[in-house]
Protein backbone atom coordinates (compact mmCIF):
# COMPACT_ATOMS: atom_id res chain seq x y z
CA MET A 1 -41.84 -7.53 0.96
CA ALA A 2 -41.51 -9.92 -1.97
CA PRO A 3 -38.03 -10.75 -3.16
CA LEU A 4 -36.98 -8.56 -6.07
CA SER A 5 -34.23 -8.96 -8.61
CA TRP A 6 -32.75 -6.09 -10.62
CA THR A 7 -34.98 -6.69 -13.63
CA GLU A 8 -38.04 -7.56 -11.53
CA ALA A 9 -37.74 -4.23 -9.76
CA GLY A 10 -37.74 -2.47 -13.12
CA ILE A 11 -34.73 -0.36 -12.19
CA TYR A 12 -32.10 0.22 -14.85
CA PRO A 13 -28.93 2.31 -14.74
CA LEU A 14 -28.26 5.33 -16.90
CA PRO A 15 -27.03 4.12 -19.39
CA ASN A 16 -24.53 1.95 -17.49
CA PRO A 17 -23.42 2.07 -13.86
CA VAL A 18 -19.80 3.00 -14.53
CA GLU A 19 -20.66 6.02 -16.67
CA GLN A 20 -23.20 7.16 -14.12
CA LYS A 21 -20.41 7.54 -11.55
CA ARG A 22 -17.70 8.57 -14.04
CA ASN A 23 -16.79 11.83 -12.29
CA LEU A 24 -16.83 10.45 -8.76
CA CYS A 25 -13.47 10.26 -6.99
CA PRO A 26 -13.53 7.01 -4.95
CA CYS A 27 -12.05 8.66 -1.88
CA SER A 28 -14.59 11.50 -1.67
CA VAL A 29 -17.09 9.79 0.64
CA ASP A 30 -16.42 9.36 4.37
CA ASN A 31 -19.01 6.57 4.90
CA ASN A 32 -21.15 8.96 7.00
CA TYR A 33 -18.70 8.52 9.88
CA GLY A 34 -17.68 12.17 10.06
CA ILE A 35 -14.08 11.21 9.33
CA PRO A 36 -11.86 14.32 9.39
CA PHE A 37 -10.31 15.01 6.00
CA ALA A 38 -6.79 15.03 7.40
CA TYR A 39 -5.17 12.88 4.71
CA PRO A 40 -2.21 14.35 2.79
CA PRO A 41 -3.93 15.83 -0.28
CA LEU A 42 -1.49 15.59 -3.20
CA GLY A 43 -2.93 12.45 -4.80
CA PHE A 44 -6.49 13.75 -4.46
CA TYR A 45 -5.63 17.06 -6.08
CA ALA A 46 -3.87 15.28 -8.94
CA ALA A 47 -6.93 13.08 -9.48
CA ALA A 48 -9.30 16.04 -9.23
CA LEU A 49 -7.29 17.95 -11.83
CA LEU A 50 -7.48 15.06 -14.29
CA ILE A 51 -11.20 14.62 -13.64
CA ALA A 52 -11.70 18.36 -14.22
CA LEU A 53 -9.99 17.92 -17.57
CA GLY A 54 -12.71 15.43 -18.53
CA ILE A 55 -11.08 12.11 -17.71
CA SER A 56 -13.32 9.51 -16.06
CA GLY A 57 -12.82 9.24 -12.30
CA ILE A 58 -12.72 5.46 -12.59
CA ALA A 59 -10.04 5.69 -15.31
CA VAL A 60 -8.00 8.03 -13.11
CA VAL A 61 -8.10 5.60 -10.18
CA HIS A 62 -7.23 2.67 -12.46
CA TRP A 63 -4.36 4.23 -14.38
CA LEU A 64 -2.83 7.09 -12.41
CA PRO A 65 -1.28 4.83 -9.70
CA ILE A 66 0.17 2.60 -12.43
CA LEU A 67 1.73 5.50 -14.32
CA VAL A 68 3.14 7.06 -11.13
CA SER A 69 4.53 3.66 -10.09
CA CYS A 70 6.30 3.39 -13.45
CA ALA A 71 7.85 6.80 -12.77
CA ALA A 72 8.95 5.47 -9.37
CA VAL A 73 10.93 2.71 -11.11
CA ILE A 74 12.87 5.35 -13.06
CA ALA A 75 13.44 7.37 -9.89
CA PHE A 76 14.69 4.26 -8.12
CA TYR A 77 17.36 3.76 -10.78
CA PHE A 78 18.79 7.21 -10.03
CA LEU A 79 18.74 6.49 -6.31
CA ALA A 80 20.40 3.09 -6.78
CA ASN A 81 23.04 4.62 -9.04
CA ALA A 82 23.81 7.26 -6.41
CA VAL A 83 24.06 4.73 -3.56
CA LEU A 84 25.88 1.96 -5.44
CA ASN A 85 27.89 4.39 -7.56
CA ASP A 86 27.71 2.03 -10.53
CA LYS A 87 25.23 2.09 -13.43
CA PRO A 88 25.22 -1.66 -14.20
CA ARG A 89 24.65 -2.52 -10.53
CA ALA A 90 21.96 0.15 -10.33
CA ALA A 91 20.28 -1.44 -13.37
CA VAL A 92 20.28 -4.86 -11.67
CA ALA A 93 18.85 -3.34 -8.48
CA THR A 94 16.14 -1.59 -10.48
CA MET A 95 15.26 -4.82 -12.26
CA ILE A 96 14.87 -6.56 -8.89
CA PHE A 97 12.90 -3.68 -7.37
CA SER A 98 10.47 -3.51 -10.28
CA MET A 99 9.87 -7.26 -10.64
CA ILE A 100 9.93 -8.77 -7.14
CA PRO A 101 6.36 -10.04 -6.55
CA GLY A 102 4.44 -7.86 -4.14
CA ASN A 103 6.58 -4.73 -4.37
CA PHE A 104 3.78 -2.75 -6.05
CA ASP A 105 0.67 -4.28 -4.48
CA MET A 106 -0.12 -1.37 -2.18
CA GLN A 107 0.89 1.29 -4.70
CA ILE A 108 -1.72 0.12 -7.19
CA MET A 109 -4.53 -1.50 -5.21
CA GLY A 110 -6.74 0.26 -2.68
CA GLY A 111 -4.97 3.44 -1.63
CA GLY A 112 -2.73 3.50 -4.68
CA LEU A 113 -3.94 6.97 -5.57
CA THR A 114 -1.92 8.31 -2.65
CA ARG A 115 0.59 5.52 -2.00
CA SER A 116 2.02 5.67 -5.53
CA PHE A 117 2.83 9.37 -5.14
CA GLY A 118 4.21 8.63 -1.68
CA VAL A 119 6.61 6.01 -3.01
CA LEU A 120 7.70 8.18 -5.94
CA PHE A 121 8.51 11.23 -3.83
CA TYR A 122 9.98 9.17 -0.99
CA ILE A 123 12.52 7.76 -3.45
CA LEU A 124 13.22 11.22 -4.88
CA ALA A 125 13.52 12.72 -1.39
CA ILE A 126 16.10 10.16 -0.25
CA TYR A 127 17.93 10.56 -3.57
CA ALA A 128 17.98 14.36 -3.29
CA VAL A 129 19.20 14.31 0.33
CA TYR A 130 21.86 11.73 -0.54
CA ARG A 131 23.04 13.91 -3.42
CA LEU A 132 22.96 16.97 -1.16
CA PHE A 133 25.52 15.41 1.16
CA GLU A 134 27.69 14.49 -1.83
CA ASP A 135 27.44 17.96 -3.37
CA ASP A 136 25.99 20.45 -0.91
CA SER A 137 25.04 23.01 -3.55
CA TRP A 138 22.00 25.29 -3.30
CA LYS A 139 20.42 23.43 -6.21
CA ASN A 140 20.42 20.22 -4.22
CA VAL A 141 19.08 22.04 -1.15
CA ILE A 142 16.11 23.26 -3.19
CA LEU A 143 15.46 19.86 -4.77
CA ALA A 144 15.69 18.10 -1.41
CA GLY A 145 13.25 20.54 0.17
CA LEU A 146 10.83 20.19 -2.75
CA PHE A 147 10.85 16.38 -2.87
CA CYS A 148 10.63 16.02 0.92
CA SER A 149 7.62 18.34 0.90
CA LEU A 150 5.90 16.40 -1.89
CA ALA A 151 6.55 13.14 -0.04
CA VAL A 152 4.96 14.54 3.13
CA LEU A 153 1.96 15.76 1.09
CA SER A 154 1.45 12.33 -0.47
CA HIS A 155 0.88 9.72 2.23
CA PRO A 156 0.83 9.70 6.06
CA GLU A 157 3.17 6.72 6.51
CA VAL A 158 5.64 8.28 4.07
CA VAL A 159 5.91 11.31 6.36
CA LEU A 160 7.64 9.28 9.06
CA ALA A 161 9.58 7.17 6.56
CA THR A 162 10.94 10.28 4.82
CA ALA A 163 11.92 12.00 8.07
CA THR A 164 13.75 8.98 9.45
CA GLY A 165 15.28 8.04 6.10
CA CYS A 166 16.71 11.51 5.60
CA ALA A 167 17.96 11.52 9.20
CA LEU A 168 19.76 8.23 8.55
CA VAL A 169 21.47 9.68 5.47
CA TRP A 170 22.55 12.70 7.53
CA VAL A 171 23.92 10.55 10.37
CA LEU A 172 26.11 8.55 7.99
CA TYR A 173 27.06 11.16 5.38
CA GLY A 174 26.20 14.68 6.52
CA ARG A 175 27.89 15.31 9.85
CA THR A 176 29.65 18.55 9.02
CA TRP A 177 28.49 22.01 10.05
CA ARG A 178 27.77 23.08 6.47
CA LYS A 179 25.88 19.89 5.58
CA THR A 180 23.98 20.01 8.86
CA PHE A 181 22.97 23.60 8.15
CA HIS A 182 21.71 22.59 4.71
CA ALA A 183 19.81 19.68 6.24
CA PHE A 184 18.21 22.15 8.66
CA LEU A 185 17.16 24.34 5.72
CA VAL A 186 15.59 21.33 4.01
CA ALA A 187 13.62 20.54 7.17
CA ILE A 188 12.43 24.15 7.53
CA ALA A 189 11.44 24.30 3.85
CA THR A 190 9.48 21.07 4.24
CA VAL A 191 7.61 22.40 7.27
CA ILE A 192 6.75 25.66 5.47
CA LEU A 193 5.71 24.09 2.15
CA THR A 194 3.48 21.52 3.85
CA ALA A 195 1.95 23.97 6.34
CA PRO A 196 -1.19 24.65 4.25
CA TRP A 197 -2.12 20.98 4.71
CA TRP A 198 -1.26 20.26 8.33
CA GLY A 199 -2.08 23.80 9.44
CA SER A 200 -5.62 23.64 8.03
CA VAL A 201 -6.17 20.21 9.61
CA ILE A 202 -5.02 21.42 13.04
CA ALA A 203 -7.15 24.56 12.71
CA GLN A 204 -10.28 22.48 12.01
CA HIS A 205 -9.71 19.27 13.97
CA GLY A 206 -6.78 19.83 16.28
CA LEU A 207 -4.04 17.24 16.65
CA ALA A 208 -6.43 14.34 17.39
CA PRO A 209 -6.51 12.92 13.81
CA PHE A 210 -2.70 12.78 13.66
CA PHE A 211 -2.39 11.09 17.05
CA SER A 212 -5.10 8.63 16.02
CA ALA A 213 -3.28 7.76 12.80
CA LEU A 214 0.02 7.36 14.63
CA ASN A 215 -1.59 4.84 16.96
CA THR A 216 -2.36 2.54 14.01
CA GLY A 217 1.32 1.94 13.25
CA ALA A 218 1.30 -1.55 14.86
CA TYR A 219 3.83 -0.46 17.50
CA VAL A 220 2.69 -3.16 19.92
CA ALA A 221 4.22 -5.79 17.64
CA SER A 222 7.80 -6.83 18.36
CA PRO A 223 10.17 -5.52 15.66
CA PHE A 224 12.44 -8.51 16.26
CA THR A 225 9.58 -10.89 15.53
CA SER A 226 8.82 -9.06 12.29
CA LEU A 227 12.49 -9.06 11.30
CA TYR A 228 12.71 -12.79 11.92
CA GLU A 229 9.56 -13.50 9.92
CA ASN A 230 10.70 -11.38 6.97
CA PHE A 231 14.36 -12.40 6.84
CA LEU A 232 15.19 -15.54 8.82
CA ALA A 233 12.01 -17.62 9.03
CA PRO A 234 12.17 -20.63 6.66
CA ALA A 235 9.22 -19.34 4.61
CA SER A 236 11.23 -16.19 3.80
CA LEU A 237 14.82 -17.36 3.99
CA PHE A 238 14.56 -20.42 1.78
CA THR A 239 13.42 -18.49 -1.26
CA LEU A 240 15.54 -16.98 -3.99
CA ALA A 241 14.83 -13.45 -2.80
CA GLY A 242 15.51 -14.44 0.83
CA LEU A 243 18.86 -16.03 0.02
CA LEU A 244 19.89 -13.03 -2.08
CA GLN A 245 19.00 -10.69 0.79
CA LEU A 246 20.95 -12.70 3.33
CA GLY A 247 23.96 -12.97 1.03
CA GLY A 248 23.91 -9.22 0.39
CA ILE A 249 23.63 -8.38 4.10
CA ILE A 250 26.59 -10.64 4.97
CA TRP A 251 28.60 -9.05 2.16
CA ASN A 252 27.87 -5.51 3.39
CA VAL A 253 28.84 -6.45 6.94
CA TRP A 254 32.10 -7.96 5.70
CA LYS A 255 32.80 -4.82 3.65
CA LYS A 256 31.84 -2.62 6.64
CA GLN A 257 29.21 -0.83 4.55
CA PHE A 258 26.29 -0.29 6.90
CA PHE A 259 23.99 2.24 5.20
CA LEU A 260 21.80 -0.28 3.37
CA ILE A 261 21.65 -2.59 6.40
CA ALA A 262 20.61 0.27 8.68
CA TRP A 263 18.03 1.37 6.10
CA ILE A 264 16.53 -2.14 6.05
CA LEU A 265 16.37 -2.40 9.85
CA MET A 266 15.13 1.10 10.65
CA PRO A 267 11.46 0.87 9.50
CA TYR A 268 10.86 -2.21 11.68
CA PHE A 269 11.49 -0.02 14.73
CA VAL A 270 10.05 3.25 13.42
CA GLU A 271 6.98 2.25 11.36
CA PRO A 272 6.30 -1.48 11.84
CA ARG A 273 3.00 -1.47 9.94
CA SER A 274 4.70 -0.72 6.60
CA ALA A 275 8.21 -1.86 7.44
CA ALA A 276 8.45 -4.47 4.69
CA GLY A 277 7.38 -1.92 2.06
CA ILE A 278 10.00 0.64 3.10
CA ALA A 279 12.69 -2.03 3.49
CA ALA A 280 12.05 -3.13 -0.11
CA PHE A 281 14.11 -0.20 -1.43
CA PRO A 282 17.44 -1.03 0.25
CA ALA A 283 16.65 -4.76 -0.01
CA ALA A 284 16.63 -4.51 -3.82
CA MET A 285 20.10 -2.94 -3.73
CA ILE A 286 21.30 -5.55 -1.22
CA MET A 287 20.11 -8.35 -3.52
CA ALA A 288 21.77 -6.68 -6.49
CA LEU A 289 25.10 -6.61 -4.62
CA CYS A 290 24.72 -10.30 -3.85
CA LEU A 291 24.32 -11.05 -7.56
CA THR A 292 26.96 -8.67 -8.85
CA ASP A 293 29.60 -8.95 -6.10
CA VAL A 294 29.05 -12.00 -3.93
CA VAL A 295 28.38 -14.52 -6.73
CA PRO A 296 31.49 -13.54 -8.78
CA ALA A 297 33.61 -13.52 -5.60
CA LEU A 298 32.45 -17.03 -4.70
CA TYR A 299 33.09 -18.17 -8.27
CA GLU A 300 36.67 -16.90 -8.18
CA LEU A 301 37.17 -18.42 -4.71
CA VAL A 302 36.14 -21.84 -6.03
CA ARG A 303 38.50 -21.46 -8.98
CA ARG A 304 41.38 -20.66 -6.65
CA ARG A 305 40.57 -23.65 -4.46
CA LEU A 306 40.62 -25.81 -7.58
CA ARG A 307 43.98 -24.22 -8.41
CA GLN A 308 42.68 -22.75 -11.61
CA THR A 309 43.60 -19.34 -12.92
CA SER A 310 41.55 -16.76 -11.09
CA ILE A 311 41.30 -13.20 -12.37
CA PRO A 312 38.70 -11.10 -10.50
CA ARG A 313 36.64 -9.17 -13.01
CA ASP A 314 33.58 -6.97 -12.98
CA PHE A 315 30.34 -8.96 -13.06
CA THR A 316 29.51 -7.64 -16.54
CA ARG A 317 32.50 -9.60 -17.91
CA TYR A 318 31.09 -12.98 -16.88
CA ALA A 319 28.98 -14.26 -19.76
CA TRP A 320 27.40 -17.00 -17.63
CA LEU A 321 26.35 -14.46 -14.99
CA ASN A 322 24.70 -12.23 -17.55
CA ILE A 323 22.76 -15.21 -18.88
CA ALA A 324 21.76 -16.04 -15.32
CA LEU A 325 20.53 -12.47 -14.82
CA LEU A 326 18.35 -12.77 -17.93
CA ALA A 327 16.97 -16.04 -16.58
CA LEU A 328 16.33 -14.30 -13.25
CA ILE A 329 14.36 -11.56 -15.00
CA PHE A 330 12.22 -14.21 -16.68
CA TYR A 331 11.74 -16.02 -13.36
CA PHE A 332 10.62 -12.87 -11.56
CA PHE A 333 8.29 -12.04 -14.46
CA ILE A 334 6.57 -15.43 -14.17
CA ALA A 335 6.51 -15.22 -10.36
CA GLY A 336 4.95 -11.76 -10.58
CA ALA A 337 2.29 -12.98 -13.00
CA LEU A 338 1.43 -15.86 -10.67
CA HIS A 339 1.37 -13.49 -7.70
CA ASP A 340 -1.24 -11.38 -9.50
CA PHE A 341 -3.72 -14.25 -9.26
CA ALA A 342 -3.65 -13.84 -5.48
CA LEU A 343 -4.91 -10.29 -5.92
CA ILE A 344 -7.91 -11.14 -8.07
CA ASN A 345 -10.30 -10.93 -5.13
CA THR A 346 -9.19 -7.39 -4.35
CA THR A 347 -10.70 -6.10 -7.61
CA LEU A 348 -14.30 -4.99 -7.86
CA LYS A 349 -16.02 -7.40 -10.21
CA LEU A 350 -18.32 -5.72 -12.69
CA PRO A 351 -21.16 -5.66 -13.48
CA ASP A 352 -22.78 -7.66 -10.63
CA ALA A 353 -21.32 -5.66 -7.75
CA GLN A 354 -21.90 -2.31 -9.46
CA ILE A 355 -25.51 -3.15 -10.36
CA MET A 356 -26.25 -4.18 -6.79
CA MET A 357 -24.74 -1.01 -5.35
CA ASP A 358 -26.54 1.17 -7.88
CA TRP A 359 -29.83 -0.48 -6.89
CA VAL A 360 -29.10 0.19 -3.22
CA ALA A 361 -28.42 3.86 -4.00
CA ARG A 362 -31.79 4.17 -5.77
CA ASN A 363 -33.99 2.10 -3.51
CA THR A 364 -32.91 2.54 0.10
CA PRO A 365 -33.23 5.57 2.42
CA PRO A 366 -30.09 7.72 2.83
CA SER A 367 -30.14 6.92 6.55
CA SER A 368 -29.76 3.17 5.92
CA GLN A 369 -26.92 1.35 7.63
CA PHE A 370 -25.55 -1.80 6.04
CA VAL A 371 -23.68 -4.87 7.21
CA ILE A 372 -21.86 -6.53 4.31
CA LEU A 373 -20.93 -10.21 4.56
CA THR A 374 -18.75 -11.80 1.90
CA GLY A 375 -16.90 -14.40 3.97
CA SER A 376 -13.59 -12.68 3.24
CA THR A 377 -11.46 -12.09 6.34
CA GLY A 378 -9.19 -9.79 4.33
CA ILE A 379 -11.27 -6.83 5.44
CA ALA A 380 -8.81 -4.17 4.27
CA THR A 381 -8.65 -5.64 0.75
CA ASP A 382 -12.29 -6.63 0.21
CA PRO A 383 -13.41 -4.47 -2.74
CA ILE A 384 -17.12 -4.58 -1.84
CA GLN A 385 -16.41 -3.19 1.63
CA GLU A 386 -14.20 -0.44 0.25
CA TRP A 387 -16.30 0.69 -2.70
CA PHE A 388 -19.79 0.37 -1.20
CA PRO A 389 -19.90 3.79 0.55
CA VAL A 390 -18.63 5.47 -2.62
CA PHE A 391 -21.17 4.10 -5.07
CA THR A 392 -24.17 4.01 -2.74
CA GLU A 393 -23.57 7.02 -0.48
CA ARG A 394 -24.86 4.82 2.32
CA ARG A 395 -23.13 3.91 5.55
CA SER A 396 -21.40 0.55 5.74
CA GLN A 397 -20.78 -0.67 9.28
CA THR A 398 -18.23 -3.16 7.97
CA THR A 399 -15.97 -0.75 6.08
CA SER A 400 -12.76 0.04 7.94
CA GLN A 401 -11.08 2.44 5.51
CA GLY A 402 -10.64 5.92 6.96
CA LEU A 403 -11.25 5.00 10.58
CA GLU A 404 -7.51 5.22 11.30
CA TRP A 405 -8.17 8.95 11.70
CA LYS A 406 -10.78 8.46 14.42
CA LEU A 407 -10.27 5.24 16.39
CA GLY A 408 -6.58 5.34 17.31
CA THR A 409 -5.59 2.14 19.10
CA GLY A 410 -9.19 0.94 18.75
CA PHE A 411 -8.70 0.58 15.01
CA PHE A 412 -7.10 -2.85 15.26
CA ARG A 413 -9.75 -3.96 17.72
CA LEU A 414 -12.37 -3.03 15.11
CA LEU A 415 -10.52 -5.03 12.44
CA GLY A 416 -10.63 -8.07 14.70
CA GLN A 417 -14.35 -7.59 15.23
CA LEU A 418 -14.97 -7.27 11.49
CA ILE A 419 -13.04 -10.48 10.83
CA THR A 420 -15.12 -12.25 13.47
CA LEU A 421 -18.32 -11.06 11.78
CA GLN A 422 -17.30 -12.56 8.43
CA LYS A 423 -17.23 -15.98 10.09
CA CYS A 424 -20.87 -15.81 11.21
CA GLU A 425 -23.02 -18.70 10.05
CA ASP A 426 -26.44 -17.56 11.28
CA VAL A 427 -28.51 -14.49 12.10
CA ALA A 428 -28.00 -14.88 15.85
CA CYS A 429 -24.25 -14.47 15.37
CA VAL A 430 -24.72 -11.27 13.35
CA GLU A 431 -27.12 -9.78 15.88
CA SER A 432 -24.85 -10.72 18.78
CA TRP A 433 -21.95 -9.03 16.99
CA SER A 434 -24.05 -5.90 16.48
CA ALA A 435 -25.01 -5.79 20.16
CA GLN A 436 -21.43 -6.26 21.35
CA THR A 437 -19.93 -3.63 19.03
CA GLY A 438 -22.79 -1.14 19.20
CA LEU A 439 -22.89 -1.04 15.39
CA GLY A 440 -26.55 -1.22 14.48
CA TYR A 441 -27.85 -1.92 11.00
CA THR A 442 -31.01 -1.74 8.90
CA ASP A 443 -29.94 -3.94 6.00
CA VAL A 444 -27.71 -6.94 5.36
CA ILE A 445 -25.88 -7.64 2.10
CA VAL A 446 -24.64 -11.19 1.56
CA GLU A 447 -22.44 -12.44 -1.24
CA ARG A 448 -23.68 -15.74 -2.61
CA ASN A 449 -20.84 -18.20 -2.14
CA SER A 450 -20.21 -21.46 -0.32
CA LEU A 451 -18.90 -19.71 2.81
CA MET A 452 -22.12 -17.74 3.21
CA GLN A 453 -24.66 -20.46 2.41
CA SER A 454 -25.43 -21.27 6.06
CA LEU A 455 -26.01 -17.59 6.83
CA ILE A 456 -28.21 -17.20 3.76
CA ASP A 457 -30.35 -20.15 4.88
CA SER A 458 -30.65 -18.59 8.34
CA LEU A 459 -31.73 -15.22 6.91
CA ASN A 460 -34.26 -16.84 4.59
CA HIS A 461 -35.90 -18.62 7.54
CA ASP A 462 -35.93 -15.60 9.85
CA GLU A 463 -39.18 -13.64 9.59
CA SER A 464 -37.45 -10.51 10.87
CA TYR A 465 -35.66 -10.12 7.55
CA SER A 466 -37.15 -9.50 4.11
CA LEU A 467 -35.30 -10.20 0.88
CA ILE A 468 -35.53 -6.99 -1.17
CA TYR A 469 -32.91 -7.64 -3.84
CA ARG A 470 -31.67 -10.80 -5.46
CA SER A 471 -29.12 -11.41 -8.20
CA ALA A 472 -26.84 -14.26 -9.17
CA LYS A 473 -24.11 -12.85 -6.92
CA TYR A 474 -25.72 -10.80 -4.12
CA LEU A 475 -28.69 -10.80 -1.78
CA VAL A 476 -29.94 -7.74 0.13
CA TYR A 477 -32.10 -8.22 3.23
CA GLN A 478 -34.00 -5.51 5.05
CA LYS A 479 -34.37 -5.84 8.81
């Protein structure tokens, strides 16, 4: 078959590719893998409601996670104020939480439609339970049960984080018979309110999807290794955020205040895969205490050593410290902006990618199976891999999203195999990979870049493959 470009094929979208798919929710296609729809449904229902009201599905996916993440910042302030029992310190913690580079990557990119709701209701759940053990009124029991239920209905990893986080709050602050009874009521309410989700999944698929998802929590990794890499390794420690964390941890140990320290450590043993994301909440408060308590204390200590008048004051009374905090805000703002450049390759680049996928949807059989090669070893964040099944309704053998619910411990083995495939430099490598994994294919999509040039040359010289689509950015070969 002669090579065809988009215009040569005479195929044009209606009237543009984005509008054609405007009402499509990006998580509605299971890549023809038969993936059980066991995911907590809250984010999907919220998106579906907005789409039903006439809002573009693409706009919903772009903006809803951002708006929910902004709400999470407000919720975090209330949590920080409850834990630190001080509004100015809570404000500093909120500033750090909202501006530390990387804190919102996963809430906005990829699975942000569900992760953003998970983060919001996780914060509100911990806040409500914390308040319940301060004031064990029926109002707080109801709020705690509601927010815990919404957290469970938002994201699978948040289920475990919420359960263990609330248990930690109970261990440290709720060990009376009355508070324990109220905690039991919250747990029962959460089970009942979330039963329509987990009950329907068990009725249709049994417990297998849940066990499979649990096996992708990276439990084989050593929690001590992860703790070292995130807190004590030079790459983490010798940064401003790392030094603030260490200073805050030492301060809390000295003050015999262990809640925030335990909260930081717990996810590394309970849910290693997302430990850093969960630890970010107490870490922001720890860093705030370093700035608002440790720095003034060291300042007054130096003054005493120099035999100058030393009068301990609240951090808000130090003009130089407030100026430093403003400078810190500016620093984090710049650092966050620079960090965003690292995420540029996780965004689907229009129109080239969309045009290619729209052509595939129009010109290939529904039974087609594709191997997509971009050279990117960041399989979980490659936008072509993630969006291809949605826009084409064709099966991608190189898309990993959703397989957590089917493969169990084999999920990470698959990720390793997909990374290996992206390093292939010739057709023989691709075919060998297919034979070893049992993942057959009918078509190959290659992104035109320097990493893929050797593979492109190999495909062009192999008579078993025909070039059926060509654009400035992508090539599609039929086997």
